[in-house]
Amino acid sequence: MAAKIGVIGSKESVLPFQLFGFQVCYAIAKAEVTRAFQCLVKEEYAVIYVTEKCAALIPEEIAKYQQQVSPAIILIPDYDGSQGVGLKMIQENVEKAVGQNIL
């Protein structure tokens, strides 16, 4: 069975992911983002892409799963561009794993 992949964000930002067969959840308000995120976690999605704007609305939800292998939560920029949050998260994870920031 193939791993399930979901994407959460505004329609303009995540619509193209449907072309790859990903489950797309349109959400921009905190309640919508929270509901979509919890649904994807409950349905055991292996990878959940979340736009940086949406991730900023639910940091406590994302923090619950940061130390777990699954689901892998990956922050992506939206159509407005990157806010640097995703890169910062990657740098922090590399620093934890390696002991220093090599990026």
Protein backbone atom coordinates (compact mmCIF):
# COMPACT_ATOMS: atom_id res chain seq x y z
CA MET A 1 0.00 0.00 0.00
CA ALA A 2 1.35 3.42 -0.95
CA ALA A 3 1.92 6.08 1.68
CA LYS A 4 -0.76 8.74 1.78
CA ILE A 5 0.26 12.36 1.31
CA GLY A 6 -1.88 15.36 2.23
CA VAL A 7 -1.55 19.10 1.68
CA ILE A 8 -3.17 21.93 3.66
CA GLY A 9 -3.37 25.53 2.49
CA SER A 10 -5.24 28.10 0.46
CA LYS A 11 -6.79 26.92 -2.79
CA GLU A 12 -4.34 28.91 -4.92
CA SER A 13 -1.36 27.39 -3.11
CA VAL A 14 -2.31 23.73 -2.93
CA LEU A 15 -4.51 23.07 -5.97
CA PRO A 16 -1.54 21.96 -8.14
CA PHE A 17 -0.79 19.14 -5.68
CA GLN A 18 -3.94 17.38 -6.87
CA LEU A 19 -2.14 16.67 -10.14
CA PHE A 20 0.20 14.38 -8.19
CA GLY A 21 -2.66 12.54 -6.50
CA PHE A 22 -2.20 14.14 -3.08
CA GLN A 23 -5.18 14.71 -0.78
CA VAL A 24 -5.74 18.46 -0.85
CA CYS A 25 -7.44 20.31 2.01
CA TYR A 26 -8.38 23.94 1.37
CA ALA A 27 -8.09 25.90 4.60
CA ILE A 28 -7.20 29.45 5.59
CA ALA A 29 -8.93 30.04 8.95
CA LYS A 30 -7.51 28.55 12.15
CA ALA A 31 -10.52 26.28 12.73
CA GLU A 32 -10.35 24.93 9.16
CA VAL A 33 -6.61 24.34 9.34
CA THR A 34 -6.90 22.60 12.72
CA ARG A 35 -9.73 20.38 11.51
CA ALA A 36 -7.89 19.44 8.29
CA PHE A 37 -4.65 18.72 10.14
CA GLN A 38 -6.32 16.55 12.77
CA CYS A 39 -8.21 14.67 10.06
CA LEU A 40 -5.04 13.86 8.11
CA VAL A 41 -3.26 12.74 11.28
CA LYS A 42 -6.21 10.55 12.31
CA GLU A 43 -6.32 8.94 8.86
CA GLU A 44 -2.60 8.12 9.24
CA TYR A 45 -1.17 10.16 6.39
CA ALA A 46 2.58 9.56 6.15
CA VAL A 47 3.43 13.06 4.90
CA ILE A 48 1.52 16.26 5.53
CA TYR A 49 2.55 19.40 3.67
CA VAL A 50 1.31 22.60 5.31
CA THR A 51 1.77 26.10 3.93
CA GLU A 52 3.77 28.37 6.20
CA LYS A 53 0.79 30.69 6.71
CA CYS A 54 -1.40 27.79 7.84
CA ALA A 55 1.34 26.38 10.06
CA ALA A 56 1.59 29.74 11.82
CA LEU A 57 -2.05 29.31 12.87
CA ILE A 58 -1.52 25.90 14.54
CA PRO A 59 2.01 25.78 16.00
CA GLU A 60 0.87 23.77 19.02
CA GLU A 61 -0.67 21.06 16.82
CA ILE A 62 2.47 20.79 14.70
CA ALA A 63 4.71 20.72 17.79
CA LYS A 64 2.92 17.57 19.01
CA TYR A 65 4.25 15.63 16.02
CA GLN A 66 7.70 17.21 15.53
CA GLN A 67 9.53 14.46 17.43
CA GLN A 68 7.68 11.59 15.74
CA VAL A 69 8.68 9.82 12.57
CA SER A 70 5.16 9.78 11.18
CA PRO A 71 3.53 11.89 10.03
CA ALA A 72 6.35 13.88 8.49
CA ILE A 73 5.18 17.48 8.60
CA ILE A 74 6.76 19.65 5.95
CA LEU A 75 6.20 23.38 5.73
CA ILE A 76 6.00 24.82 2.24
CA PRO A 77 5.69 28.38 0.95
CA ASP A 78 2.37 29.53 -0.45
CA TYR A 79 1.73 31.53 -3.60
CA ASP A 80 2.97 34.70 -1.84
CA GLY A 81 6.41 33.17 -1.33
CA SER A 82 8.38 31.86 1.61
CA GLN A 83 8.30 33.39 5.07
CA GLY A 84 11.44 31.44 6.06
CA VAL A 85 9.63 29.31 8.63
CA GLY A 86 10.12 26.02 6.78
CA LEU A 87 13.84 26.60 6.28
CA LYS A 88 14.25 27.52 9.94
CA MET A 89 12.55 24.27 10.97
CA ILE A 90 14.85 22.25 8.71
CA GLN A 91 17.91 24.00 10.12
CA GLU A 92 16.79 23.27 13.69
CA ASN A 93 16.23 19.59 12.89
CA VAL A 94 19.64 19.27 11.20
CA GLU A 95 21.28 20.97 14.16
CA LYS A 96 19.60 18.51 16.55
CA ALA A 97 20.69 15.54 14.47
CA VAL A 98 24.26 16.63 13.72
CA GLY A 99 25.04 18.78 16.73
CA GLN A 100 25.62 21.96 14.75
CA ASN A 101 24.09 23.93 11.92
CA ILE A 102 25.77 22.72 8.75
CA LEU A 103 23.35 24.47 6.42
